[in-house]
N, C-alpha and C. Protein backbone atom coordinates (compact mmCIF):
# COMPACT_ATOMS: atom_id res chain seq x y z
N MET A 1 1.82 36.33 8.57
CA MET A 1 1.07 35.98 7.37
C MET A 1 -0.36 35.63 7.76
N GLU A 2 -1.29 36.07 6.99
CA GLU A 2 -2.69 35.82 7.28
C GLU A 2 -3.07 34.39 6.94
N ARG A 3 -3.96 33.82 7.75
CA ARG A 3 -4.43 32.45 7.55
C ARG A 3 -4.98 32.21 6.16
N ARG A 4 -5.81 33.14 5.68
CA ARG A 4 -6.51 32.90 4.43
C ARG A 4 -5.57 32.92 3.22
N SER A 5 -4.38 33.46 3.35
CA SER A 5 -3.48 33.52 2.22
C SER A 5 -2.68 32.24 2.04
N SER A 6 -2.64 31.38 3.04
CA SER A 6 -1.88 30.13 2.93
C SER A 6 -2.74 29.06 2.26
N PRO A 7 -2.16 28.33 1.30
CA PRO A 7 -2.93 27.27 0.65
C PRO A 7 -3.07 26.01 1.51
N LEU A 8 -2.33 25.95 2.64
CA LEU A 8 -2.40 24.81 3.54
C LEU A 8 -2.56 25.32 4.96
N THR A 9 -3.61 24.84 5.65
CA THR A 9 -3.85 25.26 7.03
C THR A 9 -4.14 24.04 7.89
N THR A 10 -4.00 24.23 9.20
CA THR A 10 -4.38 23.21 10.16
C THR A 10 -5.03 23.88 11.36
N HIS A 11 -5.78 23.11 12.11
CA HIS A 11 -6.47 23.59 13.30
C HIS A 11 -6.52 22.43 14.27
N VAL A 12 -5.98 22.61 15.47
CA VAL A 12 -5.92 21.53 16.46
C VAL A 12 -6.84 21.87 17.63
N LEU A 13 -7.77 20.96 17.91
CA LEU A 13 -8.70 21.16 19.02
C LEU A 13 -8.49 20.08 20.07
N ASP A 14 -8.41 20.50 21.32
CA ASP A 14 -8.27 19.61 22.47
C ASP A 14 -9.69 19.20 22.87
N THR A 15 -10.07 17.97 22.54
CA THR A 15 -11.44 17.54 22.80
C THR A 15 -11.69 17.26 24.28
N THR A 16 -10.64 17.16 25.07
CA THR A 16 -10.81 16.97 26.51
C THR A 16 -11.36 18.24 27.16
N SER A 17 -10.80 19.37 26.76
CA SER A 17 -11.23 20.65 27.34
C SER A 17 -12.27 21.36 26.47
N GLY A 18 -12.37 20.95 25.21
CA GLY A 18 -13.27 21.64 24.29
C GLY A 18 -12.69 22.95 23.80
N LEU A 19 -11.36 23.13 23.95
CA LEU A 19 -10.69 24.37 23.58
C LEU A 19 -9.63 24.12 22.51
N PRO A 20 -9.20 25.17 21.83
CA PRO A 20 -8.09 25.02 20.89
C PRO A 20 -6.82 24.55 21.62
N ALA A 21 -6.01 23.77 20.93
CA ALA A 21 -4.75 23.29 21.50
C ALA A 21 -3.67 24.34 21.22
N ARG A 22 -3.47 25.21 22.17
CA ARG A 22 -2.52 26.32 22.04
C ARG A 22 -1.10 25.85 22.35
N GLY A 23 -0.13 26.28 21.54
CA GLY A 23 1.27 26.01 21.81
C GLY A 23 1.74 24.61 21.45
N LEU A 24 1.01 23.92 20.59
CA LEU A 24 1.41 22.58 20.16
C LEU A 24 2.42 22.71 19.02
N CYS A 25 3.58 22.08 19.18
CA CYS A 25 4.62 22.13 18.17
C CYS A 25 4.25 21.21 17.01
N LEU A 26 4.46 21.70 15.79
CA LEU A 26 4.19 20.88 14.62
C LEU A 26 5.23 21.15 13.55
N ARG A 27 5.36 20.19 12.65
CA ARG A 27 6.35 20.27 11.59
C ARG A 27 5.69 19.85 10.28
N LEU A 28 5.93 20.62 9.23
CA LEU A 28 5.46 20.28 7.90
C LEU A 28 6.64 19.80 7.08
N SER A 29 6.51 18.63 6.46
CA SER A 29 7.57 18.06 5.63
C SER A 29 7.00 17.64 4.28
N GLN A 30 7.89 17.53 3.31
CA GLN A 30 7.50 17.04 1.99
C GLN A 30 8.42 15.88 1.62
N LEU A 31 7.83 14.84 1.02
CA LEU A 31 8.58 13.68 0.58
C LEU A 31 9.24 13.99 -0.76
N GLU A 32 10.56 13.87 -0.80
CA GLU A 32 11.31 14.13 -2.03
C GLU A 32 11.26 12.89 -2.92
N ASP A 33 10.86 13.08 -4.17
CA ASP A 33 10.75 11.96 -5.12
C ASP A 33 12.09 11.28 -5.36
N SER A 34 13.14 12.07 -5.46
CA SER A 34 14.43 11.52 -5.87
C SER A 34 15.00 10.50 -4.89
N ASP A 35 14.92 10.78 -3.60
CA ASP A 35 15.54 9.88 -2.62
C ASP A 35 14.58 9.36 -1.55
N GLN A 36 13.29 9.67 -1.69
CA GLN A 36 12.26 9.22 -0.75
C GLN A 36 12.56 9.61 0.69
N GLN A 37 13.16 10.78 0.88
CA GLN A 37 13.44 11.33 2.20
C GLN A 37 12.53 12.52 2.45
N TRP A 38 12.19 12.73 3.73
CA TRP A 38 11.36 13.86 4.11
C TRP A 38 12.22 15.11 4.26
N THR A 39 11.78 16.20 3.68
CA THR A 39 12.43 17.50 3.82
C THR A 39 11.52 18.39 4.65
N VAL A 40 12.03 18.91 5.76
CA VAL A 40 11.23 19.79 6.62
C VAL A 40 11.09 21.14 5.93
N LEU A 41 9.84 21.58 5.78
CA LEU A 41 9.54 22.87 5.15
C LEU A 41 9.30 23.96 6.19
N ARG A 42 8.74 23.56 7.32
CA ARG A 42 8.38 24.56 8.35
C ARG A 42 8.18 23.88 9.68
N GLU A 43 8.64 24.51 10.74
CA GLU A 43 8.34 24.07 12.10
C GLU A 43 7.75 25.27 12.82
N SER A 44 6.66 25.04 13.54
CA SER A 44 5.96 26.15 14.17
C SER A 44 5.14 25.65 15.35
N TYR A 45 4.36 26.55 15.95
CA TYR A 45 3.47 26.23 17.07
C TYR A 45 2.09 26.76 16.76
N THR A 46 1.09 26.07 17.29
CA THR A 46 -0.27 26.56 17.13
C THR A 46 -0.46 27.83 17.95
N ASP A 47 -1.30 28.71 17.46
CA ASP A 47 -1.58 29.97 18.15
C ASP A 47 -2.69 29.79 19.18
N ALA A 48 -3.18 30.87 19.74
CA ALA A 48 -4.21 30.81 20.79
C ALA A 48 -5.50 30.19 20.29
N ASP A 49 -5.72 30.21 18.99
CA ASP A 49 -6.92 29.61 18.40
C ASP A 49 -6.67 28.18 17.93
N GLY A 50 -5.48 27.62 18.23
CA GLY A 50 -5.15 26.26 17.82
C GLY A 50 -4.78 26.14 16.35
N ARG A 51 -4.53 27.27 15.71
CA ARG A 51 -4.20 27.28 14.28
C ARG A 51 -2.72 27.60 14.08
N CYS A 52 -2.25 27.25 12.90
CA CYS A 52 -0.87 27.57 12.53
C CYS A 52 -0.91 28.24 11.16
N PRO A 53 -1.10 29.54 11.15
CA PRO A 53 -1.23 30.23 9.87
C PRO A 53 0.09 30.25 9.10
N GLY A 54 -0.03 30.30 7.78
CA GLY A 54 1.15 30.46 6.94
C GLY A 54 2.05 29.25 6.84
N LEU A 55 1.48 28.05 6.89
CA LEU A 55 2.33 26.86 6.75
C LEU A 55 3.08 26.87 5.43
N LEU A 56 2.41 27.27 4.38
CA LEU A 56 3.04 27.45 3.07
C LEU A 56 2.64 28.81 2.53
N ARG A 57 3.56 29.46 1.86
CA ARG A 57 3.25 30.72 1.21
C ARG A 57 2.50 30.44 -0.09
N PRO A 58 1.67 31.36 -0.54
CA PRO A 58 1.04 31.19 -1.85
C PRO A 58 2.11 30.97 -2.91
N GLY A 59 1.92 29.99 -3.77
CA GLY A 59 2.88 29.67 -4.81
C GLY A 59 3.95 28.68 -4.38
N GLN A 60 4.06 28.40 -3.08
CA GLN A 60 5.09 27.47 -2.59
C GLN A 60 4.65 26.01 -2.73
N MET A 61 3.35 25.76 -2.73
CA MET A 61 2.85 24.40 -2.78
C MET A 61 2.98 23.82 -4.18
N LYS A 62 3.41 22.57 -4.23
CA LYS A 62 3.48 21.86 -5.50
C LYS A 62 2.94 20.45 -5.28
N PRO A 63 2.52 19.77 -6.34
CA PRO A 63 2.01 18.41 -6.16
C PRO A 63 3.05 17.52 -5.48
N GLY A 64 2.55 16.65 -4.61
CA GLY A 64 3.45 15.74 -3.92
C GLY A 64 2.84 15.20 -2.65
N THR A 65 3.66 14.49 -1.88
CA THR A 65 3.25 13.91 -0.61
C THR A 65 3.82 14.76 0.52
N TYR A 66 2.94 15.13 1.44
CA TYR A 66 3.30 16.00 2.56
C TYR A 66 2.98 15.28 3.87
N LYS A 67 3.60 15.78 4.95
CA LYS A 67 3.36 15.21 6.28
C LYS A 67 3.31 16.33 7.30
N LEU A 68 2.26 16.32 8.10
CA LEU A 68 2.18 17.19 9.28
C LEU A 68 2.46 16.31 10.49
N SER A 69 3.49 16.65 11.25
CA SER A 69 3.86 15.92 12.47
C SER A 69 3.53 16.80 13.66
N PHE A 70 2.73 16.28 14.56
CA PHE A 70 2.28 17.02 15.74
C PHE A 70 2.93 16.42 16.99
N ASP A 71 3.59 17.24 17.80
CA ASP A 71 4.22 16.79 19.04
C ASP A 71 3.17 16.73 20.15
N THR A 72 2.37 15.68 20.13
CA THR A 72 1.28 15.57 21.09
C THR A 72 1.79 15.29 22.51
N GLU A 73 2.88 14.54 22.63
CA GLU A 73 3.42 14.26 23.96
C GLU A 73 3.85 15.55 24.66
N GLY A 74 4.53 16.42 23.92
CA GLY A 74 4.95 17.71 24.49
C GLY A 74 3.77 18.55 24.92
N TYR A 75 2.72 18.55 24.10
CA TYR A 75 1.52 19.31 24.44
C TYR A 75 0.89 18.78 25.73
N TRP A 76 0.69 17.46 25.80
CA TRP A 76 0.02 16.89 26.97
C TRP A 76 0.88 17.03 28.23
N LYS A 77 2.18 16.95 28.10
CA LYS A 77 3.06 17.17 29.27
C LYS A 77 2.87 18.58 29.82
N LYS A 78 2.80 19.57 28.91
CA LYS A 78 2.56 20.96 29.35
C LYS A 78 1.22 21.09 30.06
N MET A 79 0.27 20.25 29.68
CA MET A 79 -1.06 20.28 30.30
C MET A 79 -1.12 19.44 31.57
N GLY A 80 0.01 18.78 31.92
CA GLY A 80 0.04 17.93 33.12
C GLY A 80 -0.73 16.64 32.94
N GLN A 81 -0.78 16.15 31.71
CA GLN A 81 -1.59 15.00 31.37
C GLN A 81 -0.75 13.91 30.72
N GLU A 82 -0.91 12.68 31.16
CA GLU A 82 -0.30 11.55 30.50
C GLU A 82 -1.04 11.31 29.18
N SER A 83 -0.33 10.75 28.19
CA SER A 83 -1.00 10.47 26.92
C SER A 83 -0.46 9.18 26.32
N PHE A 84 -1.20 8.64 25.39
CA PHE A 84 -0.86 7.38 24.75
C PHE A 84 0.01 7.57 23.51
N TYR A 85 -0.28 8.60 22.71
CA TYR A 85 0.43 8.84 21.46
C TYR A 85 1.49 9.93 21.66
N PRO A 86 2.78 9.62 21.48
CA PRO A 86 3.81 10.64 21.65
C PRO A 86 3.79 11.67 20.51
N TYR A 87 3.33 11.27 19.35
CA TYR A 87 3.18 12.19 18.24
C TYR A 87 2.12 11.65 17.28
N VAL A 88 1.61 12.54 16.46
CA VAL A 88 0.66 12.17 15.42
C VAL A 88 1.24 12.64 14.10
N GLU A 89 1.27 11.76 13.12
CA GLU A 89 1.72 12.13 11.80
C GLU A 89 0.58 11.92 10.81
N VAL A 90 0.27 12.97 10.08
CA VAL A 90 -0.78 12.92 9.06
C VAL A 90 -0.09 13.10 7.70
N VAL A 91 -0.15 12.05 6.90
CA VAL A 91 0.49 12.07 5.58
C VAL A 91 -0.62 12.20 4.54
N PHE A 92 -0.44 13.10 3.58
CA PHE A 92 -1.48 13.35 2.59
C PHE A 92 -0.86 13.74 1.26
N ASN A 93 -1.63 13.56 0.20
CA ASN A 93 -1.20 13.89 -1.15
C ASN A 93 -1.86 15.17 -1.63
N ILE A 94 -1.08 15.99 -2.28
CA ILE A 94 -1.60 17.18 -2.95
C ILE A 94 -1.38 16.96 -4.44
N THR A 95 -2.49 16.94 -5.18
CA THR A 95 -2.39 16.71 -6.62
C THR A 95 -2.68 17.98 -7.42
N ASN A 96 -3.36 18.93 -6.81
CA ASN A 96 -3.72 20.17 -7.50
C ASN A 96 -3.28 21.34 -6.64
N GLU A 97 -2.18 21.95 -7.00
CA GLU A 97 -1.61 23.03 -6.17
C GLU A 97 -2.41 24.32 -6.19
N THR A 98 -3.47 24.37 -7.00
CA THR A 98 -4.30 25.58 -7.03
C THR A 98 -5.42 25.53 -5.99
N GLN A 99 -5.64 24.35 -5.39
CA GLN A 99 -6.67 24.22 -4.36
C GLN A 99 -6.12 24.62 -2.99
N LYS A 100 -7.02 24.84 -2.05
CA LYS A 100 -6.64 25.07 -0.66
C LYS A 100 -6.89 23.77 0.10
N PHE A 101 -6.03 23.51 1.09
CA PHE A 101 -6.12 22.29 1.88
C PHE A 101 -6.14 22.65 3.36
N HIS A 102 -7.09 22.05 4.07
CA HIS A 102 -7.21 22.26 5.51
C HIS A 102 -7.17 20.90 6.19
N VAL A 103 -6.27 20.73 7.15
CA VAL A 103 -6.08 19.44 7.83
C VAL A 103 -6.30 19.64 9.33
N PRO A 104 -7.55 19.47 9.81
CA PRO A 104 -7.83 19.61 11.23
C PRO A 104 -7.39 18.36 12.01
N LEU A 105 -7.10 18.56 13.29
CA LEU A 105 -6.77 17.46 14.19
C LEU A 105 -7.58 17.63 15.47
N LEU A 106 -8.40 16.64 15.78
CA LEU A 106 -9.15 16.60 17.04
C LEU A 106 -8.36 15.66 17.95
N LEU A 107 -8.01 16.15 19.13
CA LEU A 107 -7.01 15.47 19.95
C LEU A 107 -7.48 15.27 21.39
N SER A 108 -7.27 14.07 21.89
CA SER A 108 -7.42 13.78 23.31
C SER A 108 -6.18 13.00 23.73
N PRO A 109 -5.96 12.77 25.03
CA PRO A 109 -4.77 12.02 25.43
C PRO A 109 -4.77 10.57 24.93
N TRP A 110 -5.95 10.05 24.56
CA TRP A 110 -6.05 8.63 24.21
C TRP A 110 -6.51 8.37 22.79
N SER A 111 -6.78 9.42 22.03
CA SER A 111 -7.25 9.23 20.66
C SER A 111 -7.04 10.51 19.86
N TYR A 112 -7.17 10.35 18.55
CA TYR A 112 -7.16 11.52 17.68
C TYR A 112 -7.96 11.19 16.41
N THR A 113 -8.43 12.25 15.76
CA THR A 113 -9.17 12.13 14.52
C THR A 113 -8.70 13.27 13.60
N THR A 114 -8.61 12.95 12.33
CA THR A 114 -8.27 13.98 11.35
C THR A 114 -9.10 13.74 10.09
N TYR A 115 -9.19 14.76 9.28
CA TYR A 115 -9.96 14.66 8.04
C TYR A 115 -9.54 15.84 7.15
N ARG A 116 -9.94 15.79 5.90
CA ARG A 116 -9.70 16.94 5.03
C ARG A 116 -10.86 17.91 5.20
N GLY A 117 -10.55 19.04 5.74
CA GLY A 117 -11.57 20.06 5.96
C GLY A 117 -11.66 21.01 4.80
N SER A 118 -12.40 22.08 5.01
CA SER A 118 -12.56 23.07 3.94
C SER A 118 -12.10 24.44 4.42
């Protein structure tokens, strides 16, 4: 699936090397209103550009609370690097399913930053 066709995208950059974080495992979940439990929608890995295209298919997104979980410990272990955060979870609300959402993650072994991108 092409990146531009997904209404939800992410991009992970390794700020230690200045390169995309290739092969980082991530999981997209949605909070179910009825029982307040997370339902996993997709599990995947970042590509060579640090992106994970096709997190949601067009028309699949609906208003609600979502979570991107990034396995940062697994990534840093593959890089031979100790890290402080075993995982990063970014929880966000989608109120308008017709918009596109981009959730970048800037990552180092000792810190991370995220924001709503475009």
